[in-house]
Full PDB file with SEQRES, HELIX, SHEET, SSBOND, CRYST1, ORIGX, SCALE, CONECT and MASTER records, all heavy atoms in Angstrom:
SEQRES   1 A   34  PHE GLN ASP ALA MET ALA ARG SER ARG GLN GLU VAL ASP          
SEQRES   2 A   34  GLY LYS MET SER ALA LEU ILE ASP ILE VAL ALA HIS LEU          
SEQRES   3 A   34  SER GLU THR VAL GLU ARG PHE LEU                              
HELIX    1 AA1 GLN A    2  PHE A   33  1                                  32    
CRYST1    1.000    1.000    1.000  90.00  90.00  90.00 P 1           1          
ORIGX1      1.000000  0.000000  0.000000        0.00000                         
ORIGX2      0.000000  1.000000  0.000000        0.00000                         
ORIGX3      0.000000  0.000000  1.000000        0.00000                         
SCALE1      1.000000  0.000000  0.000000        0.00000                         
SCALE2      0.000000  1.000000  0.000000        0.00000                         
SCALE3      0.000000  0.000000  1.000000        0.00000                         
ATOM      1  N   PHE A   1      -4.903  -0.179  27.195  1.00  0.00           N  
ATOM      2  CA  PHE A   1      -3.550  -0.058  26.667  1.00  0.00           C  
ATOM      3  C   PHE A   1      -2.789  -1.394  26.713  1.00  0.00           C  
ATOM      4  O   PHE A   1      -2.109  -1.818  25.774  1.00  0.00           O  
ATOM      5  CB  PHE A   1      -2.775   1.005  27.461  1.00  0.00           C  
ATOM      6  CG  PHE A   1      -1.338   1.224  27.000  1.00  0.00           C  
ATOM      7  CD1 PHE A   1      -1.079   1.851  25.804  1.00  0.00           C  
ATOM      8  CD2 PHE A   1      -0.322   0.738  27.787  1.00  0.00           C  
ATOM      9  CE1 PHE A   1       0.263   2.039  25.398  1.00  0.00           C  
ATOM     10  CE2 PHE A   1       0.990   0.879  27.376  1.00  0.00           C  
ATOM     11  CZ  PHE A   1       1.270   1.591  26.176  1.00  0.00           C  
ATOM     12  N   GLN A   2      -2.921  -2.097  27.841  1.00  0.00           N  
ATOM     13  CA  GLN A   2      -2.318  -3.426  27.931  1.00  0.00           C  
ATOM     14  C   GLN A   2      -2.849  -4.389  26.943  1.00  0.00           C  
ATOM     15  O   GLN A   2      -2.082  -5.187  26.371  1.00  0.00           O  
ATOM     16  CB  GLN A   2      -2.510  -3.926  29.416  1.00  0.00           C  
ATOM     17  CG  GLN A   2      -1.689  -3.223  30.466  1.00  0.00           C  
ATOM     18  CD  GLN A   2      -2.001  -3.712  31.872  1.00  0.00           C  
ATOM     19  OE1 GLN A   2      -3.155  -4.124  32.157  1.00  0.00           O  
ATOM     20  NE2 GLN A   2      -1.013  -3.584  32.729  1.00  0.00           N  
ATOM     21  N   ASP A   3      -4.154  -4.349  26.718  1.00  0.00           N  
ATOM     22  CA  ASP A   3      -4.728  -5.268  25.690  1.00  0.00           C  
ATOM     23  C   ASP A   3      -4.191  -4.902  24.332  1.00  0.00           C  
ATOM     24  O   ASP A   3      -3.840  -5.813  23.559  1.00  0.00           O  
ATOM     25  CB  ASP A   3      -6.209  -5.141  25.685  1.00  0.00           C  
ATOM     26  CG  ASP A   3      -6.910  -5.700  26.936  1.00  0.00           C  
ATOM     27  OD1 ASP A   3      -6.215  -6.462  27.680  1.00  0.00           O  
ATOM     28  OD2 ASP A   3      -8.103  -5.378  27.170  1.00  0.00           O  
ATOM     29  N   ALA A   4      -4.102  -3.601  24.016  1.00  0.00           N  
ATOM     30  CA  ALA A   4      -3.534  -3.229  22.707  1.00  0.00           C  
ATOM     31  C   ALA A   4      -2.079  -3.639  22.557  1.00  0.00           C  
ATOM     32  O   ALA A   4      -1.651  -4.144  21.531  1.00  0.00           O  
ATOM     33  CB  ALA A   4      -3.641  -1.708  22.518  1.00  0.00           C  
ATOM     34  N   MET A   5      -1.318  -3.526  23.628  1.00  0.00           N  
ATOM     35  CA  MET A   5       0.064  -3.931  23.594  1.00  0.00           C  
ATOM     36  C   MET A   5       0.231  -5.458  23.405  1.00  0.00           C  
ATOM     37  O   MET A   5       1.039  -5.922  22.685  1.00  0.00           O  
ATOM     38  CB  MET A   5       0.803  -3.513  24.931  1.00  0.00           C  
ATOM     39  CG  MET A   5       1.009  -2.043  25.049  1.00  0.00           C  
ATOM     40  SD  MET A   5       2.128  -1.366  23.792  1.00  0.00           S  
ATOM     41  CE  MET A   5       3.641  -2.125  24.294  1.00  0.00           C  
ATOM     42  N   ALA A   6      -0.634  -6.202  24.076  1.00  0.00           N  
ATOM     43  CA  ALA A   6      -0.658  -7.668  23.908  1.00  0.00           C  
ATOM     44  C   ALA A   6      -0.996  -8.026  22.463  1.00  0.00           C  
ATOM     45  O   ALA A   6      -0.329  -8.961  21.869  1.00  0.00           O  
ATOM     46  CB  ALA A   6      -1.644  -8.320  24.903  1.00  0.00           C  
ATOM     47  N   ARG A   7      -2.015  -7.392  21.877  1.00  0.00           N  
ATOM     48  CA  ARG A   7      -2.308  -7.633  20.459  1.00  0.00           C  
ATOM     49  C   ARG A   7      -1.147  -7.293  19.544  1.00  0.00           C  
ATOM     50  O   ARG A   7      -0.858  -8.033  18.625  1.00  0.00           O  
ATOM     51  CB  ARG A   7      -3.612  -6.921  20.038  1.00  0.00           C  
ATOM     52  CG  ARG A   7      -4.881  -7.515  20.601  1.00  0.00           C  
ATOM     53  CD  ARG A   7      -6.096  -6.895  19.990  1.00  0.00           C  
ATOM     54  NE  ARG A   7      -6.186  -5.457  20.118  1.00  0.00           N  
ATOM     55  CZ  ARG A   7      -6.689  -4.885  21.184  1.00  0.00           C  
ATOM     56  NH1 ARG A   7      -7.153  -5.572  22.207  1.00  0.00           N  
ATOM     57  NH2 ARG A   7      -6.753  -3.549  21.223  1.00  0.00           N  
ATOM     58  N   SER A   8      -0.560  -6.147  19.804  1.00  0.00           N  
ATOM     59  CA  SER A   8       0.606  -5.731  18.971  1.00  0.00           C  
ATOM     60  C   SER A   8       1.735  -6.715  19.092  1.00  0.00           C  
ATOM     61  O   SER A   8       2.398  -7.053  18.118  1.00  0.00           O  
ATOM     62  CB  SER A   8       1.076  -4.344  19.440  1.00  0.00           C  
ATOM     63  OG  SER A   8       0.123  -3.362  19.141  1.00  0.00           O  
ATOM     64  N   ARG A   9       1.935  -7.232  20.290  1.00  0.00           N  
ATOM     65  CA  ARG A   9       3.014  -8.209  20.574  1.00  0.00           C  
ATOM     66  C   ARG A   9       2.753  -9.475  19.781  1.00  0.00           C  
ATOM     67  O   ARG A   9       3.623 -10.085  19.177  1.00  0.00           O  
ATOM     68  CB  ARG A   9       3.178  -8.453  22.036  1.00  0.00           C  
ATOM     69  CG  ARG A   9       4.227  -9.502  22.401  1.00  0.00           C  
ATOM     70  CD  ARG A   9       5.554  -9.000  21.991  1.00  0.00           C  
ATOM     71  NE  ARG A   9       6.539 -10.057  22.098  1.00  0.00           N  
ATOM     72  CZ  ARG A   9       7.819  -9.894  22.019  1.00  0.00           C  
ATOM     73  NH1 ARG A   9       8.328  -8.692  21.857  1.00  0.00           N  
ATOM     74  NH2 ARG A   9       8.641 -10.918  22.068  1.00  0.00           N  
ATOM     75  N   GLN A  10       1.489  -9.921  19.751  1.00  0.00           N  
ATOM     76  CA  GLN A  10       1.077 -11.124  19.007  1.00  0.00           C  
ATOM     77  C   GLN A  10       1.309 -10.915  17.532  1.00  0.00           C  
ATOM     78  O   GLN A  10       1.798 -11.781  16.809  1.00  0.00           O  
ATOM     79  CB  GLN A  10      -0.328 -11.468  19.273  1.00  0.00           C  
ATOM     80  CG  GLN A  10      -0.606 -12.022  20.666  1.00  0.00           C  
ATOM     81  CD  GLN A  10      -2.105 -12.177  20.926  1.00  0.00           C  
ATOM     82  OE1 GLN A  10      -2.965 -11.695  20.242  1.00  0.00           O  
ATOM     83  NE2 GLN A  10      -2.374 -12.926  22.079  1.00  0.00           N  
ATOM     84  N   GLU A  11       0.954  -9.705  17.034  1.00  0.00           N  
ATOM     85  CA  GLU A  11       1.208  -9.391  15.624  1.00  0.00           C  
ATOM     86  C   GLU A  11       2.698  -9.425  15.289  1.00  0.00           C  
ATOM     87  O   GLU A  11       3.113  -9.984  14.258  1.00  0.00           O  
ATOM     88  CB  GLU A  11       0.636  -8.033  15.289  1.00  0.00           C  
ATOM     89  CG  GLU A  11      -0.894  -7.993  15.262  1.00  0.00           C  
ATOM     90  CD  GLU A  11      -1.417  -6.598  14.989  1.00  0.00           C  
ATOM     91  OE1 GLU A  11      -0.671  -5.763  14.438  1.00  0.00           O  
ATOM     92  OE2 GLU A  11      -2.588  -6.348  15.358  1.00  0.00           O  
ATOM     93  N   VAL A  12       3.508  -8.799  16.177  1.00  0.00           N  
ATOM     94  CA  VAL A  12       4.924  -8.777  15.971  1.00  0.00           C  
ATOM     95  C   VAL A  12       5.510 -10.240  15.945  1.00  0.00           C  
ATOM     96  O   VAL A  12       6.324 -10.579  15.137  1.00  0.00           O  
ATOM     97  CB  VAL A  12       5.637  -7.894  16.994  1.00  0.00           C  
ATOM     98  CG1 VAL A  12       7.171  -8.097  16.982  1.00  0.00           C  
ATOM     99  CG2 VAL A  12       5.295  -6.451  16.756  1.00  0.00           C  
ATOM    100  N   ASP A  13       5.072 -11.034  16.920  1.00  0.00           N  
ATOM    101  CA  ASP A  13       5.536 -12.383  17.013  1.00  0.00           C  
ATOM    102  C   ASP A  13       5.142 -13.175  15.703  1.00  0.00           C  
ATOM    103  O   ASP A  13       5.991 -13.927  15.229  1.00  0.00           O  
ATOM    104  CB  ASP A  13       4.919 -13.112  18.230  1.00  0.00           C  
ATOM    105  CG  ASP A  13       5.548 -12.623  19.550  1.00  0.00           C  
ATOM    106  OD1 ASP A  13       6.566 -11.944  19.529  1.00  0.00           O  
ATOM    107  OD2 ASP A  13       4.930 -12.956  20.576  1.00  0.00           O  
ATOM    108  N   GLY A  14       3.902 -12.933  15.195  1.00  0.00           N  
ATOM    109  CA  GLY A  14       3.534 -13.638  13.992  1.00  0.00           C  
ATOM    110  C   GLY A  14       4.374 -13.196  12.818  1.00  0.00           C  
ATOM    111  O   GLY A  14       4.848 -14.015  11.977  1.00  0.00           O  
ATOM    112  N   LYS A  15       4.641 -11.917  12.691  1.00  0.00           N  
ATOM    113  CA  LYS A  15       5.444 -11.399  11.592  1.00  0.00           C  
ATOM    114  C   LYS A  15       6.901 -11.853  11.732  1.00  0.00           C  
ATOM    115  O   LYS A  15       7.536 -12.164  10.717  1.00  0.00           O  
ATOM    116  CB  LYS A  15       5.386  -9.873  11.532  1.00  0.00           C  
ATOM    117  CG  LYS A  15       3.994  -9.382  11.113  1.00  0.00           C  
ATOM    118  CD  LYS A  15       3.904  -7.877  11.113  1.00  0.00           C  
ATOM    119  CE  LYS A  15       2.475  -7.468  10.699  1.00  0.00           C  
ATOM    120  NZ  LYS A  15       2.333  -5.953  10.703  1.00  0.00           N  
ATOM    121  N   MET A  16       7.412 -11.920  12.913  1.00  0.00           N  
ATOM    122  CA  MET A  16       8.773 -12.402  13.162  1.00  0.00           C  
ATOM    123  C   MET A  16       8.885 -13.857  12.781  1.00  0.00           C  
ATOM    124  O   MET A  16       9.840 -14.261  12.115  1.00  0.00           O  
ATOM    125  CB  MET A  16       9.176 -12.201  14.629  1.00  0.00           C  
ATOM    126  CG  MET A  16      10.612 -12.520  14.894  1.00  0.00           C  
ATOM    127  SD  MET A  16      11.756 -11.467  14.062  1.00  0.00           S  
ATOM    128  CE  MET A  16      11.868 -10.158  15.161  1.00  0.00           C  
ATOM    129  N   SER A  17       7.876 -14.679  13.100  1.00  0.00           N  
ATOM    130  CA  SER A  17       7.891 -16.047  12.724  1.00  0.00           C  
ATOM    131  C   SER A  17       7.878 -16.206  11.266  1.00  0.00           C  
ATOM    132  O   SER A  17       8.653 -17.052  10.667  1.00  0.00           O  
ATOM    133  CB  SER A  17       6.677 -16.750  13.373  1.00  0.00           C  
ATOM    134  OG  SER A  17       6.635 -18.085  13.003  1.00  0.00           O  
ATOM    135  N   ALA A  18       7.037 -15.402  10.568  1.00  0.00           N  
ATOM    136  CA  ALA A  18       7.010 -15.503   9.062  1.00  0.00           C  
ATOM    137  C   ALA A  18       8.322 -15.038   8.488  1.00  0.00           C  
ATOM    138  O   ALA A  18       8.817 -15.651   7.508  1.00  0.00           O  
ATOM    139  CB  ALA A  18       5.911 -14.616   8.534  1.00  0.00           C  
ATOM    140  N   LEU A  19       8.936 -14.045   9.025  1.00  0.00           N  
ATOM    141  CA  LEU A  19      10.245 -13.552   8.579  1.00  0.00           C  
ATOM    142  C   LEU A  19      11.311 -14.616   8.815  1.00  0.00           C  
ATOM    143  O   LEU A  19      12.171 -14.852   7.871  1.00  0.00           O  
ATOM    144  CB  LEU A  19      10.646 -12.246   9.291  1.00  0.00           C  
ATOM    145  CG  LEU A  19      11.905 -11.609   8.831  1.00  0.00           C  
ATOM    146  CD1 LEU A  19      11.902 -11.269   7.378  1.00  0.00           C  
ATOM    147  CD2 LEU A  19      12.235 -10.367   9.652  1.00  0.00           C  
ATOM    148  N   ILE A  20      11.279 -15.328   9.891  1.00  0.00           N  
ATOM    149  CA  ILE A  20      12.256 -16.381  10.138  1.00  0.00           C  
ATOM    150  C   ILE A  20      12.103 -17.514   9.134  1.00  0.00           C  
ATOM    151  O   ILE A  20      13.065 -18.019   8.598  1.00  0.00           O  
ATOM    152  CB  ILE A  20      12.123 -16.902  11.561  1.00  0.00           C  
ATOM    153  CG1 ILE A  20      12.641 -15.827  12.568  1.00  0.00           C  
ATOM    154  CG2 ILE A  20      12.872 -18.229  11.788  1.00  0.00           C  
ATOM    155  CD1 ILE A  20      12.317 -16.118  14.020  1.00  0.00           C  
ATOM    156  N   ASP A  21      10.854 -17.796   8.806  1.00  0.00           N  
ATOM    157  CA  ASP A  21      10.606 -18.846   7.836  1.00  0.00           C  
ATOM    158  C   ASP A  21      11.136 -18.436   6.437  1.00  0.00           C  
ATOM    159  O   ASP A  21      11.727 -19.230   5.714  1.00  0.00           O  
ATOM    160  CB  ASP A  21       9.080 -19.171   7.718  1.00  0.00           C  
ATOM    161  CG  ASP A  21       8.563 -19.841   8.939  1.00  0.00           C  
ATOM    162  OD1 ASP A  21       9.387 -20.369   9.755  1.00  0.00           O  
ATOM    163  OD2 ASP A  21       7.299 -19.851   9.107  1.00  0.00           O  
ATOM    164  N   ILE A  22      10.928 -17.136   6.077  1.00  0.00           N  
ATOM    165  CA  ILE A  22      11.401 -16.653   4.780  1.00  0.00           C  
ATOM    166  C   ILE A  22      12.914 -16.672   4.733  1.00  0.00           C  
ATOM    167  O   ILE A  22      13.523 -17.092   3.710  1.00  0.00           O  
ATOM    168  CB  ILE A  22      10.860 -15.231   4.532  1.00  0.00           C  
ATOM    169  CG1 ILE A  22       9.360 -15.276   4.295  1.00  0.00           C  
ATOM    170  CG2 ILE A  22      11.606 -14.550   3.398  1.00  0.00           C  
ATOM    171  CD1 ILE A  22       8.683 -13.918   4.339  1.00  0.00           C  
ATOM    172  N   VAL A  23      13.540 -16.241   5.804  1.00  0.00           N  
ATOM    173  CA  VAL A  23      15.023 -16.247   5.832  1.00  0.00           C  
ATOM    174  C   VAL A  23      15.566 -17.727   5.786  1.00  0.00           C  
ATOM    175  O   VAL A  23      16.535 -17.961   5.047  1.00  0.00           O  
ATOM    176  CB  VAL A  23      15.549 -15.550   7.112  1.00  0.00           C  
ATOM    177  CG1 VAL A  23      17.010 -15.737   7.321  1.00  0.00           C  
ATOM    178  CG2 VAL A  23      15.237 -14.066   7.001  1.00  0.00           C  
ATOM    179  N   ALA A  24      14.913 -18.653   6.464  1.00  0.00           N  
ATOM    180  CA  ALA A  24      15.344 -20.024   6.377  1.00  0.00           C  
ATOM    181  C   ALA A  24      15.170 -20.559   4.976  1.00  0.00           C  
ATOM    182  O   ALA A  24      16.119 -21.233   4.477  1.00  0.00           O  
ATOM    183  CB  ALA A  24      14.511 -20.882   7.331  1.00  0.00           C  
ATOM    184  N   HIS A  25      14.087 -20.239   4.318  1.00  0.00           N  
ATOM    185  CA  HIS A  25      13.887 -20.695   2.916  1.00  0.00           C  
ATOM    186  C   HIS A  25      14.895 -20.042   2.018  1.00  0.00           C  
ATOM    187  O   HIS A  25      15.470 -20.753   1.146  1.00  0.00           O  
ATOM    188  CB  HIS A  25      12.425 -20.337   2.461  1.00  0.00           C  
ATOM    189  CG  HIS A  25      12.162 -20.751   1.069  1.00  0.00           C  
ATOM    190  ND1 HIS A  25      12.033 -22.059   0.705  1.00  0.00           N  
ATOM    191  CD2 HIS A  25      11.992 -19.978  -0.052  1.00  0.00           C  
ATOM    192  CE1 HIS A  25      11.795 -22.100  -0.592  1.00  0.00           C  
ATOM    193  NE2 HIS A  25      11.740 -20.849  -1.098  1.00  0.00           N  
ATOM    194  N   LEU A  26      15.124 -18.796   2.177  1.00  0.00           N  
ATOM    195  CA  LEU A  26      16.173 -18.088   1.372  1.00  0.00           C  
ATOM    196  C   LEU A  26      17.579 -18.704   1.603  1.00  0.00           C  
ATOM    197  O   LEU A  26      18.312 -18.913   0.661  1.00  0.00           O  
ATOM    198  CB  LEU A  26      16.206 -16.580   1.703  1.00  0.00           C  
ATOM    199  CG  LEU A  26      17.151 -15.713   0.952  1.00  0.00           C  
ATOM    200  CD1 LEU A  26      16.835 -15.807  -0.570  1.00  0.00           C  
ATOM    201  CD2 LEU A  26      17.062 -14.267   1.399  1.00  0.00           C  
ATOM    202  N   SER A  27      17.839 -18.998   2.838  1.00  0.00           N  
ATOM    203  CA  SER A  27      19.165 -19.600   3.161  1.00  0.00           C  
ATOM    204  C   SER A  27      19.287 -20.957   2.440  1.00  0.00           C  
ATOM    205  O   SER A  27      20.368 -21.280   1.883  1.00  0.00           O  
ATOM    206  CB  SER A  27      19.261 -19.788   4.669  1.00  0.00           C  
ATOM    207  OG  SER A  27      20.419 -20.412   4.987  1.00  0.00           O  
ATOM    208  N   GLU A  28      18.246 -21.737   2.461  1.00  0.00           N  
ATOM    209  CA  GLU A  28      18.304 -23.059   1.781  1.00  0.00           C  
ATOM    210  C   GLU A  28      18.456 -22.903   0.300  1.00  0.00           C  
ATOM    211  O   GLU A  28      19.236 -23.634  -0.362  1.00  0.00           O  
ATOM    212  CB  GLU A  28      17.008 -23.833   2.080  1.00  0.00           C  
ATOM    213  CG  GLU A  28      16.829 -24.287   3.489  1.00  0.00           C  
ATOM    214  CD  GLU A  28      15.478 -24.882   3.824  1.00  0.00           C  
ATOM    215  OE1 GLU A  28      14.647 -24.995   2.828  1.00  0.00           O  
ATOM    216  OE2 GLU A  28      15.229 -25.193   4.947  1.00  0.00           O  
ATOM    217  N   THR A  29      17.771 -21.887  -0.259  1.00  0.00           N  
ATOM    218  CA  THR A  29      17.861 -21.641  -1.700  1.00  0.00           C  
ATOM    219  C   THR A  29      19.310 -21.211  -2.026  1.00  0.00           C  
ATOM    220  O   THR A  29      19.872 -21.711  -3.052  1.00  0.00           O  
ATOM    221  CB  THR A  29      16.873 -20.526  -2.109  1.00  0.00           C  
ATOM    222  OG1 THR A  29      15.563 -20.956  -1.758  1.00  0.00           O  
ATOM    223  CG2 THR A  29      16.966 -20.252  -3.581  1.00  0.00           C  
ATOM    224  N   VAL A  30      19.909 -20.316  -1.290  1.00  0.00           N  
ATOM    225  CA  VAL A  30      21.258 -19.829  -1.553  1.00  0.00           C  
ATOM    226  C   VAL A  30      22.220 -21.020  -1.376  1.00  0.00           C  
ATOM    227  O   VAL A  30      23.156 -21.216  -2.217  1.00  0.00           O  
ATOM    228  CB  VAL A  30      21.632 -18.717  -0.605  1.00  0.00           C  
ATOM    229  CG1 VAL A  30      23.114 -18.414  -0.676  1.00  0.00           C  
ATOM    230  CG2 VAL A  30      20.830 -17.442  -0.944  1.00  0.00           C  
ATOM    231  N   GLU A  31      21.992 -21.829  -0.400  1.00  0.00           N  
ATOM    232  CA  GLU A  31      22.873 -23.001  -0.152  1.00  0.00           C  
ATOM    233  C   GLU A  31      22.808 -23.978  -1.359  1.00  0.00           C  
ATOM    234  O   GLU A  31      23.824 -24.455  -1.836  1.00  0.00           O  
ATOM    235  CB  GLU A  31      22.449 -23.713   1.129  1.00  0.00           C  
ATOM    236  CG  GLU A  31      23.448 -24.777   1.605  1.00  0.00           C  
ATOM    237  CD  GLU A  31      23.054 -25.327   2.949  1.00  0.00           C  
ATOM    238  OE1 GLU A  31      22.746 -24.524   3.878  1.00  0.00           O  
ATOM    239  OE2 GLU A  31      23.025 -26.571   3.039  1.00  0.00           O  
ATOM    240  N   ARG A  32      21.587 -24.262  -1.845  1.00  0.00           N  
ATOM    241  CA  ARG A  32      21.459 -25.128  -3.032  1.00  0.00           C  
ATOM    242  C   ARG A  32      22.163 -24.510  -4.233  1.00  0.00           C  
ATOM    243  O   ARG A  32      22.802 -25.234  -4.990  1.00  0.00           O  
ATOM    244  CB  ARG A  32      19.970 -25.368  -3.328  1.00  0.00           C  
ATOM    245  CG  ARG A  32      19.368 -26.401  -2.414  1.00  0.00           C  
ATOM    246  CD  ARG A  32      18.036 -26.892  -2.965  1.00  0.00           C  
ATOM    247  NE  ARG A  32      17.104 -25.855  -3.432  1.00  0.00           N  
ATOM    248  CZ  ARG A  32      16.161 -25.285  -2.678  1.00  0.00           C  
ATOM    249  NH1 ARG A  32      15.970 -25.689  -1.489  1.00  0.00           N  
ATOM    250  NH2 ARG A  32      15.435 -24.328  -3.144  1.00  0.00           N  
ATOM    251  N   PHE A  33      21.976 -23.219  -4.389  1.00  0.00           N  
ATOM    252  CA  PHE A  33      22.592 -22.523  -5.554  1.00  0.00           C  
ATOM    253  C   PHE A  33      24.123 -22.616  -5.473  1.00  0.00           C  
ATOM    254  O   PHE A  33      24.775 -22.949  -6.496  1.00  0.00           O  
ATOM    255  CB  PHE A  33      22.138 -21.067  -5.585  1.00  0.00           C  
ATOM    256  CG  PHE A  33      22.878 -20.247  -6.580  1.00  0.00           C  
ATOM    257  CD1 PHE A  33      22.574 -20.374  -7.940  1.00  0.00           C  
ATOM    258  CD2 PHE A  33      23.856 -19.415  -6.252  1.00  0.00           C  
ATOM    259  CE1 PHE A  33      23.254 -19.596  -8.896  1.00  0.00           C  
ATOM    260  CE2 PHE A  33      24.540 -18.608  -7.153  1.00  0.00           C  
ATOM    261  CZ  PHE A  33      24.241 -18.705  -8.515  1.00  0.00           C  
ATOM    262  N   LEU A  34      24.656 -22.345  -4.274  1.00  0.00           N  
ATOM    263  CA  LEU A  34      26.134 -22.401  -4.140  1.00  0.00           C  
ATOM    264  C   LEU A  34      26.606 -23.809  -4.270  1.00  0.00           C  
ATOM    265  O   LEU A  34      27.711 -24.040  -4.905  1.00  0.00           O  
ATOM    266  CB  LEU A  34      26.540 -21.843  -2.791  1.00  0.00           C  
ATOM    267  CG  LEU A  34      26.319 -20.290  -2.589  1.00  0.00           C  
ATOM    268  CD1 LEU A  34      26.660 -19.897  -1.191  1.00  0.00           C  
ATOM    269  CD2 LEU A  34      27.144 -19.492  -3.627  1.00  0.00           C  
TER     270      LEU A  34                                                      
MASTER        0    0    0    1    0    0    0    6  269    1    0    3          
END                                                                             
C-alpha cells in the first residue's frame, strides 16, 4: 500500500508540474494578447 501511495504521489506530482507549466504558458499567452 505504501509503495502504491508513493507511485500515486509521483504521478500526481508529475501531473501537477505539467499543469503548472500549462497555466504559465496560458498566462504568458493571455498577457501577450492583452
